[in-house]
Amino acid sequence: MTTQQDSDFRDGMPFLGSRLWIDFANSAPVALGDFLATPEGWTSWLAAAGLKAGVGRKGAAVVDLGAVHALRAALSRLFDALQTGTRPAASDLDLVNQHLAAGAAPPRISWRDGEVLVERKEAGDMDPLAAIATDFADFAAHYETARLRHCANPECSLIFYDTARNGARRWCSMSACGNRHKVRSHRMRAAKLECS
């Protein structure tokens, strides 16, 4: 499931990873802080991501931020393992599998208008962590290693999956790090001209 990219930032939070699970991993950027530090932050992030809070077994009343943070950390490590081609930690895969199992809903068969229908649960109707784990599983089945990237800005901690046709994306966002790089480069060239 690919997240809708209305813009690179929604309510001040980065949504530029090209996948739901990557946007989730990006929810604690070094420069901006942890958007999921509080239950309110988690609810805001879910709304920005287009996921429903309180769906699934746990409901809205109980938010286990420890589980949220653990899955985010595991997915961040899995990103690096996929990017480098190294063996991921079994504990990270086990954690994703736990959320996949918690969100798994068998298809439901019904009869409508003279036909048998097979209904499947949509990601928006799953527990949010299960939806994120499902997005990772879908991604892991069909990705290109070379398109997994860290932003080229050494001061930026954001990651993304390059979906550009030519695969040349360098920045988490052109409006953020890409623009800063352009301004910095322009200033350096202007300073060199003044010194000449």
C-alpha atoms as a PDB file:
ATOM      1  CA  MET A   1       0.000   0.000   0.000  1.00  0.00           C
ATOM      2  CA  THR A   2       1.477   3.321  -1.044  1.00  0.00           C
ATOM      3  CA  THR A   3       0.602   6.364   0.999  1.00  0.00           C
ATOM      4  CA  GLN A   4      -1.063   9.275  -0.722  1.00  0.00           C
ATOM      5  CA  GLN A   5       1.545  11.966  -1.271  1.00  0.00           C
ATOM      6  CA  ASP A   6      -0.413  15.224  -1.097  1.00  0.00           C
ATOM      7  CA  SER A   7       2.797  16.906  -0.014  1.00  0.00           C
ATOM      8  CA  ASP A   8       6.042  15.951   1.643  1.00  0.00           C
ATOM      9  CA  PHE A   9       4.810  17.139   5.049  1.00  0.00           C
ATOM     10  CA  ARG A  10       1.374  16.783   6.631  1.00  0.00           C
ATOM     11  CA  ASP A  11       0.655  18.728   9.810  1.00  0.00           C
ATOM     12  CA  GLY A  12       4.422  19.291  10.073  1.00  0.00           C
ATOM     13  CA  MET A  13       5.199  15.552   9.939  1.00  0.00           C
ATOM     14  CA  PRO A  14       7.252  13.989   7.121  1.00  0.00           C
ATOM     15  CA  PHE A  15       5.360  11.769   4.687  1.00  0.00           C
ATOM     16  CA  LEU A  16       7.923  11.450   1.933  1.00  0.00           C
ATOM     17  CA  GLY A  17       9.112   7.858   2.134  1.00  0.00           C
ATOM     18  CA  SER A  18       6.839   6.647  -0.698  1.00  0.00           C
ATOM     19  CA  ARG A  19       5.512   3.855   1.545  1.00  0.00           C
ATOM     20  CA  LEU A  20       3.432   3.811   4.725  1.00  0.00           C
ATOM     21  CA  TRP A  21       5.969   1.724   6.663  1.00  0.00           C
ATOM     22  CA  ILE A  22       8.824   4.075   5.692  1.00  0.00           C
ATOM     23  CA  ASP A  23       6.791   7.123   6.711  1.00  0.00           C
ATOM     24  CA  PHE A  24       6.200   5.369  10.035  1.00  0.00           C
ATOM     25  CA  ALA A  25       9.954   4.741  10.411  1.00  0.00           C
ATOM     26  CA  ASN A  26      10.487   8.460   9.675  1.00  0.00           C
ATOM     27  CA  SER A  27       8.191   9.560  12.522  1.00  0.00           C
ATOM     28  CA  ALA A  28      11.108  10.484  14.812  1.00  0.00           C
ATOM     29  CA  PRO A  29      13.488  12.561  12.673  1.00  0.00           C
ATOM     30  CA  VAL A  30      16.541  13.834  14.504  1.00  0.00           C
ATOM     31  CA  ALA A  31      15.892  17.446  13.481  1.00  0.00           C
ATOM     32  CA  LEU A  32      12.179  17.504  14.365  1.00  0.00           C
ATOM     33  CA  GLY A  33      11.797  15.168  17.336  1.00  0.00           C
ATOM     34  CA  ASP A  34       9.554  12.191  18.008  1.00  0.00           C
ATOM     35  CA  PHE A  35       6.040  12.709  16.662  1.00  0.00           C
ATOM     36  CA  LEU A  36       4.883   9.532  18.418  1.00  0.00           C
ATOM     37  CA  ALA A  37       6.071  10.428  21.910  1.00  0.00           C
ATOM     38  CA  THR A  38       2.525  10.852  23.235  1.00  0.00           C
ATOM     39  CA  PRO A  39      -0.861   9.228  22.618  1.00  0.00           C
ATOM     40  CA  GLU A  40      -2.011  12.511  21.070  1.00  0.00           C
ATOM     41  CA  GLY A  41       0.985  12.503  18.726  1.00  0.00           C
ATOM     42  CA  TRP A  42       0.173   8.921  17.696  1.00  0.00           C
ATOM     43  CA  THR A  43      -3.445   9.905  17.003  1.00  0.00           C
ATOM     44  CA  SER A  44      -2.296  12.920  14.932  1.00  0.00           C
ATOM     45  CA  TRP A  45       0.157  10.796  12.955  1.00  0.00           C
ATOM     46  CA  LEU A  46      -2.523   8.180  12.242  1.00  0.00           C
ATOM     47  CA  ALA A  47      -4.892  10.867  10.960  1.00  0.00           C
ATOM     48  CA  ALA A  48      -2.172  12.335   8.717  1.00  0.00           C
ATOM     49  CA  ALA A  49      -1.371   8.820   7.445  1.00  0.00           C
ATOM     50  CA  GLY A  50      -5.031   8.127   6.684  1.00  0.00           C
ATOM     51  CA  LEU A  51      -5.321   5.334   9.245  1.00  0.00           C
ATOM     52  CA  LYS A  52      -8.086   4.973  11.800  1.00  0.00           C
ATOM     53  CA  ALA A  53      -7.182   5.176  15.475  1.00  0.00           C
ATOM     54  CA  GLY A  54      -8.804   2.594  17.674  1.00  0.00           C
ATOM     55  CA  VAL A  55      -9.400   0.020  14.957  1.00  0.00           C
ATOM     56  CA  GLY A  56      -8.597  -3.555  15.797  1.00  0.00           C
ATOM     57  CA  ARG A  57      -8.457  -5.520  19.001  1.00  0.00           C
ATOM     58  CA  LYS A  58      -7.049  -2.852  21.298  1.00  0.00           C
ATOM     59  CA  GLY A  59      -9.460  -0.006  20.538  1.00  0.00           C
ATOM     60  CA  ALA A  60      -8.941   3.720  20.963  1.00  0.00           C
ATOM     61  CA  ALA A  61      -8.800   3.779  24.753  1.00  0.00           C
ATOM     62  CA  VAL A  62      -5.507   1.932  25.056  1.00  0.00           C
ATOM     63  CA  VAL A  63      -2.452   3.012  23.111  1.00  0.00           C
ATOM     64  CA  ASP A  64       0.658   0.959  23.772  1.00  0.00           C
ATOM     65  CA  LEU A  65       3.370   3.429  22.790  1.00  0.00           C
ATOM     66  CA  GLY A  66       5.975   0.830  23.693  1.00  0.00           C
ATOM     67  CA  ALA A  67       4.615  -1.419  20.921  1.00  0.00           C
ATOM     68  CA  VAL A  68       4.483   1.551  18.535  1.00  0.00           C
ATOM     69  CA  HIS A  69       8.110   2.480  19.247  1.00  0.00           C
ATOM     70  CA  ALA A  70       9.296  -1.145  19.101  1.00  0.00           C
ATOM     71  CA  LEU A  71       7.769  -1.694  15.649  1.00  0.00           C
ATOM     72  CA  ARG A  72       9.171   1.626  14.417  1.00  0.00           C
ATOM     73  CA  ALA A  73      12.681   0.707  15.595  1.00  0.00           C
ATOM     74  CA  ALA A  74      12.407  -2.765  14.028  1.00  0.00           C
ATOM     75  CA  LEU A  75      11.276  -1.315  10.692  1.00  0.00           C
ATOM     76  CA  SER A  76      14.143   1.199  10.734  1.00  0.00           C
ATOM     77  CA  ARG A  77      16.611  -1.643  11.236  1.00  0.00           C
ATOM     78  CA  LEU A  78      14.869  -3.689   8.535  1.00  0.00           C
ATOM     79  CA  PHE A  79      15.216  -0.753   6.124  1.00  0.00           C
ATOM     80  CA  ASP A  80      18.968  -0.763   6.704  1.00  0.00           C
ATOM     81  CA  ALA A  81      19.150  -4.559   6.350  1.00  0.00           C
ATOM     82  CA  LEU A  82      17.236  -4.459   3.057  1.00  0.00           C
ATOM     83  CA  GLN A  83      19.373  -1.574   1.781  1.00  0.00           C
ATOM     84  CA  THR A  84      22.676  -3.258   2.598  1.00  0.00           C
ATOM     85  CA  GLY A  85      21.591  -6.812   1.840  1.00  0.00           C
ATOM     86  CA  THR A  86      22.510  -7.985   5.325  1.00  0.00           C
ATOM     87  CA  ARG A  87      20.598 -10.584   7.278  1.00  0.00           C
ATOM     88  CA  PRO A  88      17.939  -8.892   9.420  1.00  0.00           C
ATOM     89  CA  ALA A  89      17.641  -9.704  13.086  1.00  0.00           C
ATOM     90  CA  ALA A  90      15.242 -12.565  13.696  1.00  0.00           C
ATOM     91  CA  SER A  91      13.645 -10.549  16.510  1.00  0.00           C
ATOM     92  CA  ASP A  92      12.752  -7.754  14.053  1.00  0.00           C
ATOM     93  CA  LEU A  93      11.147 -10.217  11.639  1.00  0.00           C
ATOM     94  CA  ASP A  94       9.329 -11.911  14.539  1.00  0.00           C
ATOM     95  CA  LEU A  95       7.907  -8.567  15.689  1.00  0.00           C
ATOM     96  CA  VAL A  96       6.596  -7.751  12.201  1.00  0.00           C
ATOM     97  CA  ASN A  97       5.130 -11.268  11.991  1.00  0.00           C
ATOM     98  CA  GLN A  98       3.354 -10.768  15.335  1.00  0.00           C
ATOM     99  CA  HIS A  99       1.649  -7.640  13.986  1.00  0.00           C
ATOM    100  CA  LEU A 100       0.822  -9.399  10.719  1.00  0.00           C
ATOM    101  CA  ALA A 101      -0.820 -12.231  12.643  1.00  0.00           C
ATOM    102  CA  ALA A 102      -2.741  -9.794  14.859  1.00  0.00           C
ATOM    103  CA  GLY A 103      -4.123  -8.023  11.825  1.00  0.00           C
ATOM    104  CA  ALA A 104      -4.773 -11.082   9.730  1.00  0.00           C
ATOM    105  CA  ALA A 105      -8.404 -11.520   8.926  1.00  0.00           C
ATOM    106  CA  PRO A 106      -9.524 -14.432   6.858  1.00  0.00           C
ATOM    107  CA  PRO A 107     -11.557 -13.543   3.807  1.00  0.00           C
ATOM    108  CA  ARG A 108     -15.281 -13.598   4.320  1.00  0.00           C
ATOM    109  CA  ILE A 109     -17.606 -15.262   1.839  1.00  0.00           C
ATOM    110  CA  SER A 110     -21.085 -13.862   1.301  1.00  0.00           C
ATOM    111  CA  TRP A 111     -23.925 -14.180  -1.183  1.00  0.00           C
ATOM    112  CA  ARG A 112     -25.190 -11.041  -2.845  1.00  0.00           C
ATOM    113  CA  ASP A 113     -27.328 -10.566  -5.947  1.00  0.00           C
ATOM    114  CA  GLY A 114     -26.927 -14.147  -7.048  1.00  0.00           C
ATOM    115  CA  GLU A 115     -23.137 -14.205  -6.690  1.00  0.00           C
ATOM    116  CA  VAL A 116     -20.627 -15.438  -4.176  1.00  0.00           C
ATOM    117  CA  LEU A 117     -18.485 -12.524  -3.010  1.00  0.00           C
ATOM    118  CA  VAL A 118     -15.123 -12.749  -1.293  1.00  0.00           C
ATOM    119  CA  GLU A 119     -14.606  -9.807   1.021  1.00  0.00           C
ATOM    120  CA  ARG A 120     -11.171  -8.969   2.395  1.00  0.00           C
ATOM    121  CA  LYS A 121     -10.293  -6.579   5.169  1.00  0.00           C
ATOM    122  CA  GLU A 122      -8.776  -3.330   3.879  1.00  0.00           C
ATOM    123  CA  ALA A 123      -5.672  -1.794   5.525  1.00  0.00           C
ATOM    124  CA  GLY A 124      -7.743   1.173   6.747  1.00  0.00           C
ATOM    125  CA  ASP A 125      -9.945  -1.219   8.718  1.00  0.00           C
ATOM    126  CA  MET A 126      -7.039  -3.017  10.436  1.00  0.00           C
ATOM    127  CA  ASP A 127      -5.277  -2.230  13.639  1.00  0.00           C
ATOM    128  CA  PRO A 128      -2.823   0.540  12.579  1.00  0.00           C
ATOM    129  CA  LEU A 129       0.301  -1.442  13.512  1.00  0.00           C
ATOM    130  CA  ALA A 130      -1.016  -4.431  11.560  1.00  0.00           C
ATOM    131  CA  ALA A 131      -1.644  -2.172   8.547  1.00  0.00           C
ATOM    132  CA  ILE A 132       1.925  -0.851   8.769  1.00  0.00           C
ATOM    133  CA  ALA A 133       3.337  -4.383   9.090  1.00  0.00           C
ATOM    134  CA  THR A 134       1.217  -5.469   6.109  1.00  0.00           C
ATOM    135  CA  ASP A 135       2.592  -2.602   4.043  1.00  0.00           C
ATOM    136  CA  PHE A 136       6.129  -3.714   4.909  1.00  0.00           C
ATOM    137  CA  ALA A 137       5.349  -7.324   3.945  1.00  0.00           C
ATOM    138  CA  ASP A 138       3.863  -6.209   0.620  1.00  0.00           C
ATOM    139  CA  PHE A 139       6.906  -4.027  -0.012  1.00  0.00           C
ATOM    140  CA  ALA A 140       9.442  -6.719   0.922  1.00  0.00           C
ATOM    141  CA  ALA A 141       8.016  -8.998  -1.757  1.00  0.00           C
ATOM    142  CA  HIS A 142       8.719  -6.518  -4.600  1.00  0.00           C
ATOM    143  CA  TYR A 143      11.407  -3.910  -4.005  1.00  0.00           C
ATOM    144  CA  GLU A 144      14.644  -2.827  -5.653  1.00  0.00           C
ATOM    145  CA  THR A 145      17.541  -2.548  -3.219  1.00  0.00           C
ATOM    146  CA  ALA A 146      19.175   0.347  -5.104  1.00  0.00           C
ATOM    147  CA  ARG A 147      16.067   2.491  -4.597  1.00  0.00           C
ATOM    148  CA  LEU A 148      16.238   2.352  -0.783  1.00  0.00           C
ATOM    149  CA  ARG A 149      17.963   5.566   0.253  1.00  0.00           C
ATOM    150  CA  HIS A 150      19.011   7.771   3.123  1.00  0.00           C
ATOM    151  CA  CYS A 151      18.717  11.490   2.436  1.00  0.00           C
ATOM    152  CA  ALA A 152      21.964  12.860   0.951  1.00  0.00           C
ATOM    153  CA  ASN A 153      21.976  15.635   3.556  1.00  0.00           C
ATOM    154  CA  PRO A 154      24.341  14.324   6.271  1.00  0.00           C
ATOM    155  CA  GLU A 155      22.345  16.271   8.884  1.00  0.00           C
ATOM    156  CA  CYS A 156      19.071  14.577   7.914  1.00  0.00           C
ATOM    157  CA  SER A 157      17.966  11.195   9.297  1.00  0.00           C
ATOM    158  CA  LEU A 158      15.064  10.566   6.902  1.00  0.00           C
ATOM    159  CA  ILE A 159      14.846   7.532   4.626  1.00  0.00           C
ATOM    160  CA  PHE A 160      12.829   6.913   1.466  1.00  0.00           C
ATOM    161  CA  TYR A 161      12.145   4.588  -1.430  1.00  0.00           C
ATOM    162  CA  ASP A 162      13.015   6.261  -4.734  1.00  0.00           C
ATOM    163  CA  THR A 163      10.048   5.826  -7.071  1.00  0.00           C
ATOM    164  CA  ALA A 164      11.359   8.245  -9.712  1.00  0.00           C
ATOM    165  CA  ARG A 165      11.617   6.667 -13.142  1.00  0.00           C
ATOM    166  CA  ASN A 166      15.348   7.407 -13.441  1.00  0.00           C
ATOM    167  CA  GLY A 167      16.070   6.432  -9.822  1.00  0.00           C
ATOM    168  CA  ALA A 168      18.110   9.583  -9.203  1.00  0.00           C
ATOM    169  CA  ARG A 169      16.363  11.005  -6.116  1.00  0.00           C
ATOM    170  CA  ARG A 170      18.934  12.172  -3.560  1.00  0.00           C
ATOM    171  CA  TRP A 171      16.954  14.176  -1.034  1.00  0.00           C
ATOM    172  CA  CYS A 172      14.187  13.270   1.354  1.00  0.00           C
ATOM    173  CA  SER A 173      12.387  16.301  -0.029  1.00  0.00           C
ATOM    174  CA  MET A 174      13.325  18.906  -2.600  1.00  0.00           C
ATOM    175  CA  SER A 175      11.381  21.484  -0.582  1.00  0.00           C
ATOM    176  CA  ALA A 176      13.489  20.766   2.498  1.00  0.00           C
ATOM    177  CA  CYS A 177      16.961  19.249   2.141  1.00  0.00           C
ATOM    178  CA  GLY A 178      17.184  19.621  -1.638  1.00  0.00           C
ATOM    179  CA  ASN A 179      16.463  23.340  -1.445  1.00  0.00           C
ATOM    180  CA  ARG A 180      18.946  23.814   1.414  1.00  0.00           C
ATOM    181  CA  HIS A 181      21.619  22.120  -0.687  1.00  0.00           C
ATOM    182  CA  LYS A 182      20.848  24.372  -3.673  1.00  0.00           C
ATOM    183  CA  VAL A 183      21.030  27.509  -1.513  1.00  0.00           C
ATOM    184  CA  ARG A 184      24.286  26.374   0.109  1.00  0.00           C
ATOM    185  CA  SER A 185      25.828  25.558  -3.295  1.00  0.00           C
ATOM    186  CA  HIS A 186      24.749  28.922  -4.696  1.00  0.00           C
ATOM    187  CA  ARG A 187      26.277  30.777  -1.738  1.00  0.00           C
ATOM    188  CA  MET A 188      29.538  28.853  -2.076  1.00  0.00           C
ATOM    189  CA  ARG A 189      29.754  29.676  -5.804  1.00  0.00           C
ATOM    190  CA  ALA A 190      28.964  33.338  -5.107  1.00  0.00           C
ATOM    191  CA  ALA A 191      31.628  33.475  -2.390  1.00  0.00           C
ATOM    192  CA  LYS A 192      34.216  31.994  -4.778  1.00  0.00           C
ATOM    193  CA  LEU A 193      33.365  34.616  -7.403  1.00  0.00           C
ATOM    194  CA  GLU A 194      33.787  37.419  -4.863  1.00  0.00           C
ATOM    195  CA  CYS A 195      37.196  36.054  -3.844  1.00  0.00           C
ATOM    196  CA  SER A 196      38.416  35.876  -7.442  1.00  0.00           C
END
